[in-house]
């Protein structure tokens, strides 16, 4: 038996890392609601832990350390559920890798550079929409500021590491991969996963740019199958926002219009839009292995050899 599993591991290199724990769970549309319910359970769990923190910490430390602990806790219930489902299906069902490496003909480094440029460019483009939205409520603005103005290492860990890791696992690794793997047309799978990504941000001021970026992340994932790449894109976007929020000259900036006024703003906007389109066209050169995208299939442990 041990020899059999060793043989399977050699046949499927990299199949036993963190991402592989979820390989055999390819959630359908109905499963997405189950994952959302487990995410809400995680939110309640995180809030309960935060309340406990509030009993022992002053307000400043409470906000920082509660976020550090409660944010990862949000994703533990859906991860446990997905892991159990995957283990149960691994012996008879074909799996689909969460992370593949379809970067030809450009190569991984060029794809990473293009993805970074496209993320920053589209992030700037989203400013045209968010700047036209009503003023953010003061209580929400306070919460948002607390996520970027506290202890730097905590902010980096939560915003630049935890968020890309957990949210990409859920929105691209679970939701998009699942929709594509269950026969949903790619265009709709990408749109639905982007809407899911927007929904979990729970406020329109974050949801609008999250939806636009979710479309980009989804298309890149569809073409490359690389969850590492979308995590990089997510990290770039969040780190860029975190960086500017900690620069005194930009700390009170609500829109890029506060820095670039008149024609200058729209020239940069048009340039960023063109860069975004050119980047998408570049990723379009990556040939599809199958209609459902470039996430590699993995045979079942016993069912298929």
C-alpha atoms as a PDB file:
ATOM      1  CA  UNK A   1       0.000   0.000   0.000  1.00  0.00           C
ATOM      2  CA  UNK A   2       2.816   2.424   0.858  1.00  0.00           C
ATOM      3  CA  UNK A   3       4.451   1.650  -2.482  1.00  0.00           C
ATOM      4  CA  UNK A   4       1.179   2.449  -4.254  1.00  0.00           C
ATOM      5  CA  UNK A   5       0.879   5.909  -2.685  1.00  0.00           C
ATOM      6  CA  UNK A   6       4.547   6.602  -3.413  1.00  0.00           C
ATOM      7  CA  UNK A   7       3.911   5.706  -7.043  1.00  0.00           C
ATOM      8  CA  UNK A   8       0.864   7.998  -7.159  1.00  0.00           C
ATOM      9  CA  UNK A   9       2.881  10.836  -5.630  1.00  0.00           C
ATOM     10  CA  UNK A  10       5.570  10.446  -8.285  1.00  0.00           C
ATOM     11  CA  UNK A  11       2.944  10.391 -11.001  1.00  0.00           C
ATOM     12  CA  UNK A  12       1.333  13.545  -9.629  1.00  0.00           C
ATOM     13  CA  UNK A  13       4.261  15.735  -8.489  1.00  0.00           C
ATOM     14  CA  UNK A  14       3.300  18.480  -6.082  1.00  0.00           C
ATOM     15  CA  UNK A  15      -0.036  16.868  -5.337  1.00  0.00           C
ATOM     16  CA  UNK A  16       0.501  16.697  -1.591  1.00  0.00           C
ATOM     17  CA  UNK A  17       1.194  20.321  -0.673  1.00  0.00           C
ATOM     18  CA  UNK A  18      -1.230  22.768   0.948  1.00  0.00           C
ATOM     19  CA  UNK A  19      -3.267  23.414  -2.201  1.00  0.00           C
ATOM     20  CA  UNK A  20      -3.584  19.689  -2.897  1.00  0.00           C
ATOM     21  CA  UNK A  21      -5.705  19.209   0.230  1.00  0.00           C
ATOM     22  CA  UNK A  22      -8.588  20.609  -1.842  1.00  0.00           C
ATOM     23  CA  UNK A  23      -7.750  19.084  -5.241  1.00  0.00           C
ATOM     24  CA  UNK A  24     -10.627  16.613  -5.388  1.00  0.00           C
ATOM     25  CA  UNK A  25     -13.346  18.999  -4.262  1.00  0.00           C
ATOM     26  CA  UNK A  26     -14.640  20.814  -7.333  1.00  0.00           C
ATOM     27  CA  UNK A  27     -17.681  22.662  -5.969  1.00  0.00           C
ATOM     28  CA  UNK A  28     -20.773  23.125  -8.096  1.00  0.00           C
ATOM     29  CA  UNK A  29     -23.144  26.082  -8.014  1.00  0.00           C
ATOM     30  CA  UNK A  30     -25.091  24.767  -4.997  1.00  0.00           C
ATOM     31  CA  UNK A  31     -21.820  24.157  -3.130  1.00  0.00           C
ATOM     32  CA  UNK A  32     -20.954  27.840  -3.420  1.00  0.00           C
ATOM     33  CA  UNK A  33     -23.815  28.672  -1.055  1.00  0.00           C
ATOM     34  CA  UNK A  34     -22.529  26.058   1.387  1.00  0.00           C
ATOM     35  CA  UNK A  35     -19.061  27.614   1.285  1.00  0.00           C
ATOM     36  CA  UNK A  36     -20.628  31.031   1.843  1.00  0.00           C
ATOM     37  CA  UNK A  37     -22.532  29.708   4.873  1.00  0.00           C
ATOM     38  CA  UNK A  38     -19.320  28.278   6.321  1.00  0.00           C
ATOM     39  CA  UNK A  39     -17.615  31.617   5.665  1.00  0.00           C
ATOM     40  CA  UNK A  40     -20.373  33.360   7.628  1.00  0.00           C
ATOM     41  CA  UNK A  41     -19.856  30.846  10.431  1.00  0.00           C
ATOM     42  CA  UNK A  42     -16.193  31.830  10.319  1.00  0.00           C
ATOM     43  CA  UNK A  43     -17.135  35.515  10.534  1.00  0.00           C
ATOM     44  CA  UNK A  44     -19.184  34.806  13.677  1.00  0.00           C
ATOM     45  CA  UNK A  45     -16.311  32.798  15.125  1.00  0.00           C
ATOM     46  CA  UNK A  46     -13.900  35.635  14.384  1.00  0.00           C
ATOM     47  CA  UNK A  47     -16.219  38.180  15.972  1.00  0.00           C
ATOM     48  CA  UNK A  48     -16.536  36.071  19.128  1.00  0.00           C
ATOM     49  CA  UNK A  49     -12.758  35.843  19.407  1.00  0.00           C
ATOM     50  CA  UNK A  50     -12.546  39.601  18.847  1.00  0.00           C
ATOM     51  CA  UNK A  51     -14.955  40.187  21.731  1.00  0.00           C
ATOM     52  CA  UNK A  52     -12.746  38.073  23.971  1.00  0.00           C
ATOM     53  CA  UNK A  53      -9.763  40.160  22.941  1.00  0.00           C
ATOM     54  CA  UNK A  54     -11.730  43.268  23.860  1.00  0.00           C
ATOM     55  CA  UNK A  55     -11.918  42.102  27.473  1.00  0.00           C
ATOM     56  CA  UNK A  56      -8.146  42.213  27.894  1.00  0.00           C
ATOM     57  CA  UNK A  57      -6.840  44.872  25.490  1.00  0.00           C
ATOM     58  CA  UNK A  58      -7.229  48.629  25.191  1.00  0.00           C
ATOM     59  CA  UNK A  59      -9.081  49.959  22.131  1.00  0.00           C
ATOM     60  CA  UNK A  60      -6.019  50.522  19.917  1.00  0.00           C
ATOM     61  CA  UNK A  61      -4.501  47.079  20.552  1.00  0.00           C
ATOM     62  CA  UNK A  62      -7.943  45.486  20.357  1.00  0.00           C
ATOM     63  CA  UNK A  63      -8.551  46.711  16.779  1.00  0.00           C
ATOM     64  CA  UNK A  64      -5.134  45.554  15.581  1.00  0.00           C
ATOM     65  CA  UNK A  65      -4.785  42.179  17.266  1.00  0.00           C
ATOM     66  CA  UNK A  66      -8.441  41.256  16.869  1.00  0.00           C
ATOM     67  CA  UNK A  67      -8.077  41.657  13.103  1.00  0.00           C
ATOM     68  CA  UNK A  68      -4.839  39.651  13.113  1.00  0.00           C
ATOM     69  CA  UNK A  69      -6.588  36.695  14.737  1.00  0.00           C
ATOM     70  CA  UNK A  70     -10.180  36.992  13.520  1.00  0.00           C
ATOM     71  CA  UNK A  71      -9.400  37.381   9.810  1.00  0.00           C
ATOM     72  CA  UNK A  72      -7.761  33.956   9.334  1.00  0.00           C
ATOM     73  CA  UNK A  73     -10.446  32.387  11.548  1.00  0.00           C
ATOM     74  CA  UNK A  74     -13.083  33.454   9.017  1.00  0.00           C
ATOM     75  CA  UNK A  75     -11.694  31.008   6.471  1.00  0.00           C
ATOM     76  CA  UNK A  76     -11.063  28.014   8.740  1.00  0.00           C
ATOM     77  CA  UNK A  77     -14.647  26.603   8.573  1.00  0.00           C
ATOM     78  CA  UNK A  78     -14.864  26.661   4.738  1.00  0.00           C
ATOM     79  CA  UNK A  79     -11.316  25.258   4.512  1.00  0.00           C
ATOM     80  CA  UNK A  80     -12.148  22.389   6.880  1.00  0.00           C
ATOM     81  CA  UNK A  81     -15.319  21.651   4.917  1.00  0.00           C
ATOM     82  CA  UNK A  82     -13.522  21.741   1.548  1.00  0.00           C
ATOM     83  CA  UNK A  83     -10.676  19.595   2.869  1.00  0.00           C
ATOM     84  CA  UNK A  84     -13.044  16.925   4.222  1.00  0.00           C
ATOM     85  CA  UNK A  85     -15.040  16.879   0.970  1.00  0.00           C
ATOM     86  CA  UNK A  86     -11.840  16.586  -1.065  1.00  0.00           C
ATOM     87  CA  UNK A  87     -10.516  13.706   1.033  1.00  0.00           C
ATOM     88  CA  UNK A  88     -13.810  11.869   0.650  1.00  0.00           C
ATOM     89  CA  UNK A  89     -13.763  12.197  -3.131  1.00  0.00           C
ATOM     90  CA  UNK A  90     -10.054  11.535  -3.689  1.00  0.00           C
ATOM     91  CA  UNK A  91     -10.300   7.765  -4.131  1.00  0.00           C
ATOM     92  CA  UNK A  92     -12.889   7.729  -6.909  1.00  0.00           C
ATOM     93  CA  UNK A  93     -13.147  11.221  -8.411  1.00  0.00           C
ATOM     94  CA  UNK A  94     -10.806  13.021 -10.766  1.00  0.00           C
ATOM     95  CA  UNK A  95      -9.424  16.183  -9.216  1.00  0.00           C
ATOM     96  CA  UNK A  96      -8.454  19.587 -10.579  1.00  0.00           C
ATOM     97  CA  UNK A  97      -5.337  21.352  -9.320  1.00  0.00           C
ATOM     98  CA  UNK A  98      -5.787  24.707  -7.620  1.00  0.00           C
ATOM     99  CA  UNK A  99      -2.406  25.811  -8.883  1.00  0.00           C
ATOM    100  CA  UNK A 100      -0.977  25.046 -12.336  1.00  0.00           C
ATOM    101  CA  UNK A 101       1.731  26.690 -14.431  1.00  0.00           C
ATOM    102  CA  UNK A 102       0.527  27.400 -17.962  1.00  0.00           C
ATOM    103  CA  UNK A 103       2.714  30.377 -18.839  1.00  0.00           C
ATOM    104  CA  UNK A 104       3.852  29.555 -22.398  1.00  0.00           C
ATOM    105  CA  UNK A 105       4.714  31.252 -24.694  1.00  0.00           C
ATOM    106  CA  UNK A 106       5.545  34.193 -22.389  1.00  0.00           C
ATOM    107  CA  UNK A 107       7.070  32.455 -19.400  1.00  0.00           C
ATOM    108  CA  UNK A 108       6.357  32.878 -15.698  1.00  0.00           C
ATOM    109  CA  UNK A 109       8.373  36.068 -15.162  1.00  0.00           C
ATOM    110  CA  UNK A 110       6.752  37.915 -18.079  1.00  0.00           C
ATOM    111  CA  UNK A 111       3.307  36.757 -16.936  1.00  0.00           C
ATOM    112  CA  UNK A 112       4.042  38.057 -13.434  1.00  0.00           C
ATOM    113  CA  UNK A 113       5.167  41.437 -14.788  1.00  0.00           C
ATOM    114  CA  UNK A 114       2.139  41.738 -17.086  1.00  0.00           C
ATOM    115  CA  UNK A 115      -0.194  40.731 -14.273  1.00  0.00           C
ATOM    116  CA  UNK A 116       1.354  43.346 -11.972  1.00  0.00           C
ATOM    117  CA  UNK A 117       1.033  46.116 -14.567  1.00  0.00           C
ATOM    118  CA  UNK A 118      -2.559  45.127 -15.393  1.00  0.00           C
ATOM    119  CA  UNK A 119      -3.523  45.069 -11.691  1.00  0.00           C
ATOM    120  CA  UNK A 120      -2.156  48.541 -10.977  1.00  0.00           C
ATOM    121  CA  UNK A 121      -3.606  49.955 -14.203  1.00  0.00           C
ATOM    122  CA  UNK A 122      -7.079  48.541 -13.614  1.00  0.00           C
ATOM    123  CA  UNK A 123      -6.957  49.659  -9.997  1.00  0.00           C
ATOM    124  CA  UNK A 124      -6.435  53.224 -11.212  1.00  0.00           C
ATOM    125  CA  UNK A 125      -9.298  52.839 -13.719  1.00  0.00           C
ATOM    126  CA  UNK A 126     -11.692  51.778 -10.948  1.00  0.00           C
ATOM    127  CA  UNK A 127     -11.114  55.177  -9.336  1.00  0.00           C
ATOM    128  CA  UNK A 128     -13.364  56.769 -11.980  1.00  0.00           C
ATOM    129  CA  UNK A 129     -16.296  54.768 -10.575  1.00  0.00           C
ATOM    130  CA  UNK A 130     -15.557  54.877  -6.849  1.00  0.00           C
ATOM    131  CA  UNK A 131     -14.899  58.620  -6.912  1.00  0.00           C
ATOM    132  CA  UNK A 132     -18.407  59.139  -8.301  1.00  0.00           C
ATOM    133  CA  UNK A 133     -20.008  57.128  -5.470  1.00  0.00           C
ATOM    134  CA  UNK A 134     -21.541  58.790  -2.382  1.00  0.00           C
ATOM    135  CA  UNK A 135     -19.274  59.616   0.545  1.00  0.00           C
ATOM    136  CA  UNK A 136     -18.313  56.609   2.635  1.00  0.00           C
ATOM    137  CA  UNK A 137     -20.034  56.617   6.062  1.00  0.00           C
ATOM    138  CA  UNK A 138     -17.807  57.872   8.852  1.00  0.00           C
ATOM    139  CA  UNK A 139     -17.996  54.616  10.838  1.00  0.00           C
ATOM    140  CA  UNK A 140     -16.883  52.605   7.808  1.00  0.00           C
ATOM    141  CA  UNK A 141     -14.125  55.078   7.042  1.00  0.00           C
ATOM    142  CA  UNK A 142     -12.854  54.642  10.610  1.00  0.00           C
ATOM    143  CA  UNK A 143     -12.765  50.863  10.194  1.00  0.00           C
ATOM    144  CA  UNK A 144     -10.931  51.141   6.876  1.00  0.00           C
ATOM    145  CA  UNK A 145      -8.366  53.516   8.366  1.00  0.00           C
ATOM    146  CA  UNK A 146      -7.770  51.147  11.279  1.00  0.00           C
ATOM    147  CA  UNK A 147      -6.779  48.448   8.781  1.00  0.00           C
ATOM    148  CA  UNK A 148      -3.984  50.568   7.308  1.00  0.00           C
ATOM    149  CA  UNK A 149      -2.864  53.040   9.966  1.00  0.00           C
ATOM    150  CA  UNK A 150      -1.846  50.784  12.843  1.00  0.00           C
ATOM    151  CA  UNK A 151       1.271  48.716  13.463  1.00  0.00           C
ATOM    152  CA  UNK A 152       2.924  48.226  10.087  1.00  0.00           C
ATOM    153  CA  UNK A 153       3.856  44.535  10.431  1.00  0.00           C
ATOM    154  CA  UNK A 154       0.293  43.649  11.426  1.00  0.00           C
ATOM    155  CA  UNK A 155      -1.108  45.582   8.471  1.00  0.00           C
ATOM    156  CA  UNK A 156       1.319  43.910   6.071  1.00  0.00           C
ATOM    157  CA  UNK A 157       0.497  40.462   7.438  1.00  0.00           C
ATOM    158  CA  UNK A 158      -3.278  40.981   7.241  1.00  0.00           C
ATOM    159  CA  UNK A 159      -3.576  43.092   4.081  1.00  0.00           C
ATOM    160  CA  UNK A 160      -0.676  41.888   1.935  1.00  0.00           C
ATOM    161  CA  UNK A 161      -0.400  38.227   2.970  1.00  0.00           C
ATOM    162  CA  UNK A 162      -3.555  36.905   4.633  1.00  0.00           C
ATOM    163  CA  UNK A 163      -6.007  38.583   2.242  1.00  0.00           C
ATOM    164  CA  UNK A 164      -4.343  37.362  -0.993  1.00  0.00           C
ATOM    165  CA  UNK A 165      -3.833  33.863   0.405  1.00  0.00           C
ATOM    166  CA  UNK A 166      -7.292  33.223   1.831  1.00  0.00           C
ATOM    167  CA  UNK A 167      -9.419  35.228  -0.593  1.00  0.00           C
ATOM    168  CA  UNK A 168      -7.714  33.803  -3.684  1.00  0.00           C
ATOM    169  CA  UNK A 169      -8.057  30.302  -2.277  1.00  0.00           C
ATOM    170  CA  UNK A 170     -11.789  30.885  -1.936  1.00  0.00           C
ATOM    171  CA  UNK A 171     -12.693  33.043  -4.934  1.00  0.00           C
ATOM    172  CA  UNK A 172     -10.422  31.592  -7.610  1.00  0.00           C
ATOM    173  CA  UNK A 173      -9.268  28.265  -6.154  1.00  0.00           C
ATOM    174  CA  UNK A 174     -12.713  27.157  -5.005  1.00  0.00           C
ATOM    175  CA  UNK A 175     -15.419  29.255  -6.685  1.00  0.00           C
ATOM    176  CA  UNK A 176     -13.969  29.840 -10.163  1.00  0.00           C
ATOM    177  CA  UNK A 177     -12.261  26.463 -10.445  1.00  0.00           C
ATOM    178  CA  UNK A 178     -15.476  24.800  -9.318  1.00  0.00           C
ATOM    179  CA  UNK A 179     -17.696  26.653 -11.779  1.00  0.00           C
ATOM    180  CA  UNK A 180     -15.334  25.944 -14.674  1.00  0.00           C
ATOM    181  CA  UNK A 181     -15.003  22.304 -13.643  1.00  0.00           C
ATOM    182  CA  UNK A 182     -18.776  21.873 -13.569  1.00  0.00           C
ATOM    183  CA  UNK A 183     -19.378  23.085 -17.109  1.00  0.00           C
ATOM    184  CA  UNK A 184     -20.318  26.732 -16.523  1.00  0.00           C
ATOM    185  CA  UNK A 185     -19.311  28.861 -19.515  1.00  0.00           C
ATOM    186  CA  UNK A 186     -15.990  30.601 -18.783  1.00  0.00           C
ATOM    187  CA  UNK A 187     -17.392  34.123 -19.206  1.00  0.00           C
ATOM    188  CA  UNK A 188     -20.135  33.467 -16.657  1.00  0.00           C
ATOM    189  CA  UNK A 189     -17.824  31.569 -14.322  1.00  0.00           C
ATOM    190  CA  UNK A 190     -15.450  34.543 -14.255  1.00  0.00           C
ATOM    191  CA  UNK A 191     -18.303  37.032 -13.713  1.00  0.00           C
ATOM    192  CA  UNK A 192     -19.888  34.963 -10.915  1.00  0.00           C
ATOM    193  CA  UNK A 193     -16.554  34.472  -9.135  1.00  0.00           C
ATOM    194  CA  UNK A 194     -15.849  38.212  -9.420  1.00  0.00           C
ATOM    195  CA  UNK A 195     -19.302  38.959  -7.959  1.00  0.00           C
ATOM    196  CA  UNK A 196     -18.581  36.507  -5.126  1.00  0.00           C
ATOM    197  CA  UNK A 197     -15.262  38.301  -4.538  1.00  0.00           C
ATOM    198  CA  UNK A 198     -17.085  41.636  -4.396  1.00  0.00           C
ATOM    199  CA  UNK A 199     -19.773  40.255  -2.067  1.00  0.00           C
ATOM    200  CA  UNK A 200     -17.368  39.073   0.633  1.00  0.00           C
ATOM    201  CA  UNK A 201     -15.983  42.620   0.958  1.00  0.00           C
ATOM    202  CA  UNK A 202     -19.424  43.562   2.330  1.00  0.00           C
ATOM    203  CA  UNK A 203     -19.476  47.234   1.309  1.00  0.00           C
ATOM    204  CA  UNK A 204     -19.926  48.903  -2.101  1.00  0.00           C
ATOM    205  CA  UNK A 205     -16.824  51.120  -1.810  1.00  0.00           C
ATOM    206  CA  UNK A 206     -14.632  48.010  -1.808  1.00  0.00           C
ATOM    207  CA  UNK A 207     -16.998  45.805  -3.803  1.00  0.00           C
ATOM    208  CA  UNK A 208     -16.848  47.855  -7.019  1.00  0.00           C
ATOM    209  CA  UNK A 209     -13.051  47.739  -7.471  1.00  0.00           C
ATOM    210  CA  UNK A 210     -13.056  44.149  -6.144  1.00  0.00           C
ATOM    211  CA  UNK A 211     -15.498  43.133  -8.895  1.00  0.00           C
ATOM    212  CA  UNK A 212     -13.397  44.763 -11.635  1.00  0.00           C
ATOM    213  CA  UNK A 213     -10.175  43.263 -10.308  1.00  0.00           C
ATOM    214  CA  UNK A 214     -11.977  39.960  -9.823  1.00  0.00           C
ATOM    215  CA  UNK A 215     -12.734  39.876 -13.550  1.00  0.00           C
ATOM    216  CA  UNK A 216      -9.034  40.383 -14.294  1.00  0.00           C
ATOM    217  CA  UNK A 217      -7.874  37.853 -11.702  1.00  0.00           C
ATOM    218  CA  UNK A 218     -10.432  35.374 -12.993  1.00  0.00           C
ATOM    219  CA  UNK A 219      -9.343  35.698 -16.610  1.00  0.00           C
ATOM    220  CA  UNK A 220      -5.669  35.306 -15.685  1.00  0.00           C
ATOM    221  CA  UNK A 221      -6.538  32.204 -13.634  1.00  0.00           C
ATOM    222  CA  UNK A 222      -8.611  30.807 -16.508  1.00  0.00           C
ATOM    223  CA  UNK A 223      -5.657  31.197 -18.894  1.00  0.00           C
ATOM    224  CA  UNK A 224      -2.776  30.166 -16.612  1.00  0.00           C
ATOM    225  CA  UNK A 225      -4.374  27.994 -13.934  1.00  0.00           C
ATOM    226  CA  UNK A 226      -1.960  29.692 -11.538  1.00  0.00           C
ATOM    227  CA  UNK A 227      -3.293  30.557  -8.103  1.00  0.00           C
ATOM    228  CA  UNK A 228       0.185  31.832  -7.193  1.00  0.00           C
ATOM    229  CA  UNK A 229      -0.142  34.414  -9.945  1.00  0.00           C
ATOM    230  CA  UNK A 230      -3.535  35.722  -8.794  1.00  0.00           C
ATOM    231  CA  UNK A 231      -2.225  35.819  -5.228  1.00  0.00           C
ATOM    232  CA  UNK A 232       0.640  37.967  -6.485  1.00  0.00           C
ATOM    233  CA  UNK A 233      -1.819  40.294  -8.251  1.00  0.00           C
ATOM    234  CA  UNK A 234      -3.950  40.543  -5.113  1.00  0.00           C
ATOM    235  CA  UNK A 235      -0.850  41.209  -3.012  1.00  0.00           C
ATOM    236  CA  UNK A 236       0.323  43.938  -5.414  1.00  0.00           C
ATOM    237  CA  UNK A 237      -3.044  45.704  -5.292  1.00  0.00           C
ATOM    238  CA  UNK A 238      -3.350  45.576  -1.499  1.00  0.00           C
ATOM    239  CA  UNK A 239       0.296  46.469  -0.854  1.00  0.00           C
ATOM    240  CA  UNK A 240       0.079  49.447  -3.207  1.00  0.00           C
ATOM    241  CA  UNK A 241      -2.982  50.748  -1.325  1.00  0.00           C
ATOM    242  CA  UNK A 242      -1.263  50.103   2.014  1.00  0.00           C
ATOM    243  CA  UNK A 243       1.887  51.911   0.890  1.00  0.00           C
ATOM    244  CA  UNK A 244       0.052  55.052  -0.180  1.00  0.00           C
ATOM    245  CA  UNK A 245      -2.100  55.100   2.951  1.00  0.00           C
ATOM    246  CA  UNK A 246       1.099  55.308   5.018  1.00  0.00           C
ATOM    247  CA  UNK A 247       2.682  58.156   3.046  1.00  0.00           C
ATOM    248  CA  UNK A 248       1.713  61.435   4.791  1.00  0.00           C
ATOM    249  CA  UNK A 249       1.191  63.339   1.521  1.00  0.00           C
ATOM    250  CA  UNK A 250      -1.373  60.764   0.348  1.00  0.00           C
ATOM    251  CA  UNK A 251      -2.850  59.745   3.713  1.00  0.00           C
ATOM    252  CA  UNK A 252      -6.059  61.780   3.332  1.00  0.00           C
ATOM    253  CA  UNK A 253      -6.441  61.111  -0.392  1.00  0.00           C
ATOM    254  CA  UNK A 254      -9.946  59.916  -1.283  1.00  0.00           C
ATOM    255  CA  UNK A 255      -9.446  59.760  -5.049  1.00  0.00           C
ATOM    256  CA  UNK A 256      -6.624  60.063  -7.566  1.00  0.00           C
ATOM    257  CA  UNK A 257      -8.354  63.298  -8.585  1.00  0.00           C
ATOM    258  CA  UNK A 258      -6.978  64.774  -5.375  1.00  0.00           C
ATOM    259  CA  UNK A 259      -3.510  64.432  -6.948  1.00  0.00           C
ATOM    260  CA  UNK A 260      -4.115  64.591 -10.682  1.00  0.00           C
ATOM    261  CA  UNK A 261      -6.573  67.250 -11.773  1.00  0.00           C
ATOM    262  CA  UNK A 262      -8.191  68.106 -15.095  1.00  0.00           C
ATOM    263  CA  UNK A 263      -6.890  66.573 -18.350  1.00  0.00           C
ATOM    264  CA  UNK A 264      -3.932  64.948 -16.591  1.00  0.00           C
ATOM    265  CA  UNK A 265      -6.255  62.610 -14.692  1.00  0.00           C
ATOM    266  CA  UNK A 266      -8.079  61.465 -17.825  1.00  0.00           C
ATOM    267  CA  UNK A 267      -4.870  61.023 -19.833  1.00  0.00           C
ATOM    268  CA  UNK A 268      -3.542  58.693 -17.136  1.00  0.00           C
ATOM    269  CA  UNK A 269      -6.926  56.981 -16.971  1.00  0.00           C
ATOM    270  CA  UNK A 270      -6.919  56.321 -20.735  1.00  0.00           C
ATOM    271  CA  UNK A 271      -3.322  55.081 -20.585  1.00  0.00           C
ATOM    272  CA  UNK A 272      -4.149  52.678 -17.757  1.00  0.00           C
ATOM    273  CA  UNK A 273      -7.186  51.386 -19.639  1.00  0.00           C
ATOM    274  CA  UNK A 274      -5.041  50.697 -22.705  1.00  0.00           C
ATOM    275  CA  UNK A 275      -2.422  48.939 -20.557  1.00  0.00           C
ATOM    276  CA  UNK A 276      -5.132  46.765 -19.009  1.00  0.00           C
ATOM    277  CA  UNK A 277      -6.507  45.765 -22.416  1.00  0.00           C
ATOM    278  CA  UNK A 278      -3.048  45.036 -23.854  1.00  0.00           C
ATOM    279  CA  UNK A 279      -2.220  42.865 -20.842  1.00  0.00           C
ATOM    280  CA  UNK A 280      -5.421  40.851 -21.262  1.00  0.00           C
ATOM    281  CA  UNK A 281      -4.664  40.408 -24.967  1.00  0.00           C
ATOM    282  CA  UNK A 282      -1.193  39.141 -24.046  1.00  0.00           C
ATOM    283  CA  UNK A 283      -2.682  36.506 -21.716  1.00  0.00           C
ATOM    284  CA  UNK A 284      -5.062  35.574 -24.514  1.00  0.00           C
ATOM    285  CA  UNK A 285      -2.014  34.207 -26.378  1.00  0.00           C
ATOM    286  CA  UNK A 286      -1.750  31.360 -23.864  1.00  0.00           C
ATOM    287  CA  UNK A 287      -3.397  28.397 -25.575  1.00  0.00           C
ATOM    288  CA  UNK A 288      -6.183  26.598 -23.730  1.00  0.00           C
ATOM    289  CA  UNK A 289      -5.581  22.947 -22.917  1.00  0.00           C
ATOM    290  CA  UNK A 290      -9.330  22.475 -22.514  1.00  0.00           C
ATOM    291  CA  UNK A 291     -12.437  24.640 -22.796  1.00  0.00           C
ATOM    292  CA  UNK A 292     -12.790  24.834 -19.026  1.00  0.00           C
ATOM    293  CA  UNK A 293      -9.392  26.528 -18.705  1.00  0.00           C
ATOM    294  CA  UNK A 294      -5.824  25.603 -17.909  1.00  0.00           C
ATOM    295  CA  UNK A 295      -6.152  24.058 -14.471  1.00  0.00           C
ATOM    296  CA  UNK A 296      -4.529  20.620 -14.671  1.00  0.00           C
ATOM    297  CA  UNK A 297      -6.552  17.501 -13.955  1.00  0.00           C
ATOM    298  CA  UNK A 298      -5.402  14.933 -11.390  1.00  0.00           C
ATOM    299  CA  UNK A 299      -6.495  11.270 -11.536  1.00  0.00           C
ATOM    300  CA  UNK A 300      -8.307   9.680  -8.622  1.00  0.00           C
ATOM    301  CA  UNK A 301      -6.189   7.680  -6.189  1.00  0.00           C
ATOM    302  CA  UNK A 302      -7.965   4.402  -6.957  1.00  0.00           C
ATOM    303  CA  UNK A 303     -10.701   5.101  -9.484  1.00  0.00           C
ATOM    304  CA  UNK A 304      -8.453   6.010 -12.418  1.00  0.00           C
ATOM    305  CA  UNK A 305      -4.870   4.993 -13.181  1.00  0.00           C
END
